[in-house]
Amino acid sequence: MSNYIQQPQQIERNSFDIISRLICESRPDYRFIDADQEAVIKRVIHTTADFDWLDILYFSPDIFRLIRDGILRGCTLYTDTTMALSGINKTRLAQYGSECRCYVSDPRTIQMAKAQQITRSMAAVDLALQESGEKIFVFGNAPTALFRLMEHQSAPIAVVGVPVGFVGAEESKRALINSGLHCIAAKGRKGGSNIAAAIINAILYRMPSDAGGEA
């Protein structure tokens, strides 16, 4: 049992090599728009082992520059789940003066949700929007959070909208794509907090840093 790969960086490199080979074999005519899109899609495939992601991620124009510039200016990322919060590389994010928060379990959120008879994800969006500073919203689980954000007609730097599920998930992401907001969104039912975190990490790992990273 000692002949398996144990070094994490080598495991990741091998995984990305396999992903690239399988794409070439199964989709020889497939072309990525640019290196940023390629990095994001391959990291999402790496996270899920699902090659459907070659076709279901939507990227609005100039989205990568907008997210990178926002992070470099020291913005705040707001997630809809603690799982997405945990998955984002916060050490890397902090190198650029940015941070990540999740208010879904905040006592203020719980109180607001109960008083207004809304989901905690919706109340967490309301709470985030009360704070000053530039914002990026990262949603992987709650369609109601995405709908709530669009109801406010606010203008964050960007939205990563990939809620997963059967009730409102597909509709919320379609609405996001058509909203005019700068976004990365998943078409259809697939998504998840792990996808949301993978998208942010793929962008972070292509930004200059002594920490390095695998795109």
Protein backbone atom coordinates (compact mmCIF):
# COMPACT_ATOMS: atom_id res chain seq x y z
CA MET A 1 0.00 0.00 0.00
CA SER A 2 3.00 2.33 -0.05
CA ASN A 3 3.12 2.91 -3.81
CA TYR A 4 0.33 5.51 -4.00
CA ILE A 5 1.05 9.22 -4.43
CA GLN A 6 1.17 10.97 -1.07
CA GLN A 7 2.40 14.46 -1.98
CA PRO A 8 -0.63 16.80 -2.33
CA GLN A 9 0.86 19.07 -4.99
CA GLN A 10 1.75 16.06 -7.12
CA ILE A 11 -1.75 14.64 -6.73
CA GLU A 12 -3.22 17.94 -7.91
CA ARG A 13 -0.82 18.23 -10.86
CA ASN A 14 -1.62 14.69 -11.94
CA SER A 15 -5.33 15.38 -11.62
CA PHE A 16 -5.17 18.42 -13.86
CA ASP A 17 -3.07 16.51 -16.39
CA ILE A 18 -5.71 13.78 -16.49
CA ILE A 19 -8.50 16.37 -16.87
CA SER A 20 -6.69 18.01 -19.80
CA ARG A 21 -6.11 14.63 -21.47
CA LEU A 22 -9.71 13.52 -21.06
CA ILE A 23 -11.01 16.78 -22.52
CA CYS A 24 -8.73 16.36 -25.53
CA GLU A 25 -9.86 12.77 -26.00
CA SER A 26 -13.59 13.25 -25.52
CA ARG A 27 -14.00 16.80 -26.86
CA PRO A 28 -11.20 17.31 -29.42
CA ASP A 29 -12.94 20.36 -30.90
CA TYR A 30 -13.57 22.06 -27.56
CA ARG A 31 -11.82 25.40 -27.11
CA PHE A 32 -11.61 27.53 -23.99
CA ILE A 33 -12.19 31.25 -24.51
CA ASP A 34 -9.07 32.19 -22.55
CA ALA A 35 -6.73 30.98 -19.82
CA ASP A 36 -8.91 32.40 -17.03
CA GLN A 37 -11.98 30.51 -18.19
CA GLU A 38 -9.89 27.36 -18.63
CA ALA A 39 -8.53 27.63 -15.09
CA VAL A 40 -11.98 28.04 -13.56
CA ILE A 41 -13.65 25.26 -15.54
CA LYS A 42 -10.84 22.79 -14.95
CA ARG A 43 -10.80 23.50 -11.22
CA VAL A 44 -14.55 22.97 -11.04
CA ILE A 45 -14.14 19.68 -12.91
CA HIS A 46 -11.33 18.78 -10.51
CA THR A 47 -13.71 19.47 -7.61
CA THR A 48 -16.59 17.43 -9.02
CA ALA A 49 -15.19 14.91 -11.54
CA ASP A 50 -18.04 16.15 -13.74
CA PHE A 51 -17.22 17.18 -17.30
CA ASP A 52 -20.67 18.75 -17.82
CA TRP A 53 -19.04 21.90 -16.45
CA LEU A 54 -17.41 22.41 -19.84
CA ASP A 55 -20.81 23.57 -21.08
CA ILE A 56 -22.81 24.98 -18.18
CA LEU A 57 -20.77 27.84 -16.76
CA TYR A 58 -21.64 31.35 -17.92
CA PHE A 59 -19.11 34.19 -17.74
CA SER A 60 -20.21 37.79 -18.27
CA PRO A 61 -17.83 40.05 -20.21
CA ASP A 62 -14.71 41.22 -18.36
CA ILE A 63 -15.72 39.30 -15.24
CA PHE A 64 -12.24 38.06 -14.35
CA ARG A 65 -10.68 41.53 -14.44
CA LEU A 66 -13.51 42.93 -12.33
CA ILE A 67 -13.14 40.24 -9.66
CA ARG A 68 -9.34 40.47 -9.60
CA ASP A 69 -9.37 44.27 -9.39
CA GLY A 70 -11.95 44.16 -6.60
CA ILE A 71 -9.86 41.70 -4.60
CA LEU A 72 -6.77 43.83 -5.13
CA ARG A 73 -8.68 46.87 -3.81
CA GLY A 74 -9.53 45.02 -0.62
CA CYS A 75 -13.17 44.06 -1.08
CA THR A 76 -15.28 41.72 1.03
CA LEU A 77 -16.64 38.42 -0.26
CA TYR A 78 -19.98 37.31 1.21
CA THR A 79 -20.93 33.65 0.98
CA ASP A 80 -24.33 32.03 1.56
CA THR A 81 -22.92 29.04 3.45
CA THR A 82 -20.18 28.31 5.93
CA MET A 83 -19.08 25.50 3.59
CA ALA A 84 -18.28 28.01 0.83
CA LEU A 85 -16.58 30.22 3.39
CA SER A 86 -14.46 27.29 4.57
CA GLY A 87 -13.51 26.28 1.03
CA ILE A 88 -12.21 29.67 -0.09
CA ASN A 89 -8.48 30.22 0.42
CA LYS A 90 -8.74 33.02 2.96
CA THR A 91 -4.99 33.20 3.53
CA ARG A 92 -4.51 33.95 -0.16
CA LEU A 93 -7.40 36.41 -0.10
CA ALA A 94 -5.90 38.27 2.86
CA GLN A 95 -2.65 38.79 0.94
CA TYR A 96 -4.54 41.28 -1.21
CA GLY A 97 -6.28 43.00 1.70
CA SER A 98 -9.61 41.26 1.09
CA GLU A 99 -11.67 39.06 3.37
CA CYS A 100 -14.58 36.64 3.33
CA ARG A 101 -17.67 36.62 5.57
CA CYS A 102 -20.77 34.49 6.01
CA TYR A 103 -23.70 35.81 8.02
CA VAL A 104 -26.12 32.90 7.64
CA SER A 105 -25.64 31.87 11.31
CA ASP A 106 -25.16 35.38 12.68
CA PRO A 107 -27.60 36.13 15.56
CA ARG A 108 -28.70 39.29 13.74
CA THR A 109 -29.54 37.23 10.66
CA ILE A 110 -31.54 34.73 12.69
CA GLN A 111 -33.50 37.52 14.34
CA MET A 112 -34.18 39.28 11.03
CA ALA A 113 -35.29 36.06 9.34
CA LYS A 114 -37.69 35.23 12.16
CA ALA A 115 -39.14 38.75 12.34
CA GLN A 116 -39.67 39.00 8.57
CA GLN A 117 -40.58 35.35 7.96
CA ILE A 118 -37.86 34.97 5.32
CA THR A 119 -34.96 32.55 4.89
CA ARG A 120 -31.74 33.16 6.79
CA SER A 121 -29.96 33.35 3.44
CA MET A 122 -32.16 36.30 2.46
CA ALA A 123 -31.60 38.02 5.80
CA ALA A 124 -27.84 37.46 5.46
CA VAL A 125 -27.91 39.32 2.14
CA ASP A 126 -29.80 42.19 3.76
CA LEU A 127 -27.23 42.33 6.55
CA ALA A 128 -24.31 42.27 4.11
CA LEU A 129 -25.78 45.09 2.06
CA GLN A 130 -25.96 47.28 5.17
CA GLU A 131 -22.18 47.20 5.43
CA SER A 132 -19.93 49.67 3.69
CA GLY A 133 -17.24 48.80 1.18
CA GLU A 134 -17.07 46.95 -2.10
CA LYS A 135 -18.65 43.52 -2.24
CA ILE A 136 -18.53 40.26 -4.17
CA PHE A 137 -21.33 37.79 -3.46
CA VAL A 138 -20.57 34.07 -3.68
CA PHE A 139 -23.66 31.85 -3.63
CA GLY A 140 -23.52 28.08 -3.98
CA ASN A 141 -26.55 26.85 -2.10
CA ALA A 142 -29.42 29.31 -1.65
CA PRO A 143 -31.52 30.49 -4.60
CA THR A 144 -33.39 32.79 -2.20
CA ALA A 145 -30.13 34.66 -1.50
CA LEU A 146 -29.63 35.23 -5.20
CA PHE A 147 -33.22 36.38 -5.72
CA ARG A 148 -32.95 38.68 -2.69
CA LEU A 149 -29.79 40.31 -3.97
CA MET A 150 -31.42 41.05 -7.32
CA GLU A 151 -34.50 42.47 -5.57
CA HIS A 152 -32.29 45.05 -3.89
CA GLN A 153 -31.05 46.22 -7.30
CA SER A 154 -27.64 46.75 -5.73
CA ALA A 155 -24.48 46.82 -7.81
CA PRO A 156 -21.78 44.63 -6.27
CA ILE A 157 -18.47 44.18 -8.03
CA ALA A 158 -19.58 40.73 -9.12
CA VAL A 159 -21.73 37.74 -8.22
CA VAL A 160 -20.73 34.10 -8.36
CA GLY A 161 -24.12 32.42 -8.56
CA VAL A 162 -24.11 28.63 -8.59
CA PRO A 163 -26.92 27.49 -6.25
CA VAL A 164 -27.66 23.79 -6.52
CA GLY A 165 -31.06 22.16 -6.36
CA PHE A 166 -34.55 21.72 -7.74
CA VAL A 167 -36.58 24.58 -6.22
CA GLY A 168 -35.62 27.94 -7.61
CA ALA A 169 -31.99 27.08 -8.35
CA GLU A 170 -32.20 27.02 -12.14
CA GLU A 171 -34.57 29.98 -12.20
CA SER A 172 -32.41 32.13 -9.92
CA LYS A 173 -29.32 31.55 -12.03
CA ARG A 174 -31.19 32.28 -15.24
CA ALA A 175 -32.41 35.52 -13.69
CA LEU A 176 -28.85 36.40 -12.67
CA ILE A 177 -27.55 35.84 -16.20
CA ASN A 178 -30.29 38.12 -17.54
CA SER A 179 -29.97 40.73 -14.78
CA GLY A 180 -27.09 42.73 -16.21
CA LEU A 181 -25.00 42.10 -13.09
CA HIS A 182 -21.38 41.09 -13.63
CA CYS A 183 -21.39 37.41 -12.85
CA ILE A 184 -20.24 33.84 -13.18
CA ALA A 185 -23.26 31.56 -13.14
CA ALA A 186 -24.16 27.92 -13.65
CA LYS A 187 -26.89 27.03 -16.09
CA GLY A 188 -29.35 24.39 -14.94
CA ARG A 189 -29.68 22.62 -11.59
CA LYS A 190 -26.05 21.82 -10.86
CA GLY A 191 -23.94 23.85 -8.48
CA GLY A 192 -22.96 23.83 -4.84
CA SER A 193 -20.87 25.54 -2.21
CA ASN A 194 -17.82 23.55 -3.29
CA ILE A 195 -18.27 24.88 -6.83
CA ALA A 196 -18.56 28.46 -5.59
CA ALA A 197 -15.35 28.11 -3.57
CA ALA A 198 -13.53 26.43 -6.46
CA ILE A 199 -14.37 29.33 -8.78
CA ILE A 200 -12.97 31.90 -6.38
CA ASN A 201 -9.87 29.82 -5.68
CA ALA A 202 -9.17 29.35 -9.39
CA ILE A 203 -9.16 33.13 -9.79
CA LEU A 204 -7.00 33.65 -6.70
CA TYR A 205 -4.44 31.10 -7.85
CA ARG A 206 -3.88 33.02 -11.08
CA MET A 207 -3.12 36.22 -9.20
CA PRO A 208 0.52 37.03 -8.36
CA SER A 209 1.57 35.62 -5.02
CA ASP A 210 4.51 34.05 -3.25
CA ALA A 211 2.11 31.35 -2.08
CA GLY A 212 1.90 29.83 -5.56
CA GLY A 213 -1.03 27.80 -6.81
CA GLU A 214 -2.14 25.31 -9.39
CA ALA A 215 -4.51 26.53 -12.09
